[in-house]
C-alpha atoms as a PDB file:
ATOM      1  CA  MET A   1     -22.635  33.341 120.712  1.00  0.00           C
ATOM      2  CA  MET A   2     -22.414  32.206 117.113  1.00  0.00           C
ATOM      3  CA  GLY A   3     -23.075  34.522 114.215  1.00  0.00           C
ATOM      4  CA  ASN A   4     -23.655  33.394 110.650  1.00  0.00           C
ATOM      5  CA  LEU A   5     -22.717  29.703 110.244  1.00  0.00           C
ATOM      6  CA  ILE A   6     -21.440  29.190 106.710  1.00  0.00           C
ATOM      7  CA  ASP A   7     -20.124  25.592 106.660  1.00  0.00           C
ATOM      8  CA  VAL A   8     -19.913  22.501 108.893  1.00  0.00           C
ATOM      9  CA  SER A   9     -17.569  19.499 108.605  1.00  0.00           C
ATOM     10  CA  TYR A  10     -16.959  16.377 110.655  1.00  0.00           C
ATOM     11  CA  ASP A  11     -13.461  14.966 111.145  1.00  0.00           C
ATOM     12  CA  HIS A  12     -13.940  11.237 111.749  1.00  0.00           C
ATOM     13  CA  LYS A  13     -10.320  10.757 112.874  1.00  0.00           C
ATOM     14  CA  THR A  14     -10.518  13.242 115.751  1.00  0.00           C
ATOM     15  CA  LYS A  15     -14.314  12.973 116.139  1.00  0.00           C
ATOM     16  CA  MET A  16     -14.527  16.759 116.005  1.00  0.00           C
ATOM     17  CA  ILE A  17     -17.202  18.973 114.456  1.00  0.00           C
ATOM     18  CA  LEU A  18     -15.721  22.040 112.725  1.00  0.00           C
ATOM     19  CA  ILE A  19     -17.797  25.122 112.004  1.00  0.00           C
ATOM     20  CA  ALA A  20     -16.903  28.050 109.731  1.00  0.00           C
ATOM     21  CA  GLU A  21     -18.589  31.044 111.320  1.00  0.00           C
ATOM     22  CA  VAL A  22     -18.481  34.163 109.162  1.00  0.00           C
ATOM     23  CA  GLY A  23     -20.377  36.483 111.538  1.00  0.00           C
ATOM     24  CA  ASN A  24     -17.467  36.652 113.983  1.00  0.00           C
ATOM     25  CA  GLY A  25     -14.753  35.447 111.555  1.00  0.00           C
ATOM     26  CA  LYS A  26     -13.867  32.200 113.316  1.00  0.00           C
ATOM     27  CA  ILE A  27     -13.314  28.498 112.840  1.00  0.00           C
ATOM     28  CA  LEU A  28     -14.814  26.656 115.802  1.00  0.00           C
ATOM     29  CA  GLY A  29     -14.099  23.049 116.728  1.00  0.00           C
ATOM     30  CA  TYR A  30     -16.157  20.938 119.110  1.00  0.00           C
ATOM     31  CA  SER A  31     -15.006  17.555 120.417  1.00  0.00           C
ATOM     32  CA  ASP A  32     -16.959  14.872 122.293  1.00  0.00           C
ATOM     33  CA  VAL A  33     -20.273  16.543 121.489  1.00  0.00           C
ATOM     34  CA  SER A  34     -22.239  13.312 121.887  1.00  0.00           C
ATOM     35  CA  ASP A  35     -21.298  13.239 125.594  1.00  0.00           C
ATOM     36  CA  GLN A  36     -22.320  16.846 126.347  1.00  0.00           C
ATOM     37  CA  SER A  37     -25.489  18.899 126.613  1.00  0.00           C
ATOM     38  CA  GLY A  38     -26.451  22.541 126.982  1.00  0.00           C
ATOM     39  CA  ASP A  39     -24.096  25.390 126.059  1.00  0.00           C
ATOM     40  CA  VAL A  40     -20.761  23.857 125.082  1.00  0.00           C
ATOM     41  CA  ALA A  41     -17.572  25.894 124.705  1.00  0.00           C
ATOM     42  CA  PRO A  42     -15.491  25.135 121.593  1.00  0.00           C
ATOM     43  CA  SER A  43     -12.289  23.080 121.945  1.00  0.00           C
ATOM     44  CA  ILE A  44     -10.769  25.097 119.076  1.00  0.00           C
ATOM     45  CA  GLU A  45     -11.445  28.765 118.343  1.00  0.00           C
ATOM     46  CA  ASN A  46      -9.285  30.279 115.601  1.00  0.00           C
ATOM     47  CA  ASN A  47      -9.766  33.721 114.068  1.00  0.00           C
ATOM     48  CA  LEU A  48     -10.086  33.690 110.289  1.00  0.00           C
ATOM     49  CA  THR A  49     -11.550  36.782 108.669  1.00  0.00           C
ATOM     50  CA  ALA A  50     -13.947  36.241 105.738  1.00  0.00           C
ATOM     51  CA  THR A  51     -14.289  32.493 106.310  1.00  0.00           C
ATOM     52  CA  SER A  52     -16.329  30.945 103.505  1.00  0.00           C
ATOM     53  CA  SER A  53     -15.940  27.168 103.882  1.00  0.00           C
ATOM     54  CA  ILE A  54     -14.034  24.288 105.484  1.00  0.00           C
ATOM     55  CA  TYR A  55     -12.129  21.627 103.555  1.00  0.00           C
ATOM     56  CA  LEU A  56     -10.618  18.655 105.385  1.00  0.00           C
ATOM     57  CA  TYR A  57      -7.741  16.982 103.597  1.00  0.00           C
ATOM     58  CA  ASP A  58      -7.362  13.328 104.562  1.00  0.00           C
ATOM     59  CA  ASN A  59      -3.728  12.233 104.393  1.00  0.00           C
END
């Protein structure tokens, strides 16, 4: 269950939605969301205490 969503970004290269979630201190990543429905488990779930935003650097 998600807590307090603080920021959302979309990575067009990997087609992944990234969510900074401060309530549980996590960065969540969801891939192929257009092909799924219902409760979807994140593809990426990294702990990061006091998350405040997401910045994607395009190299």
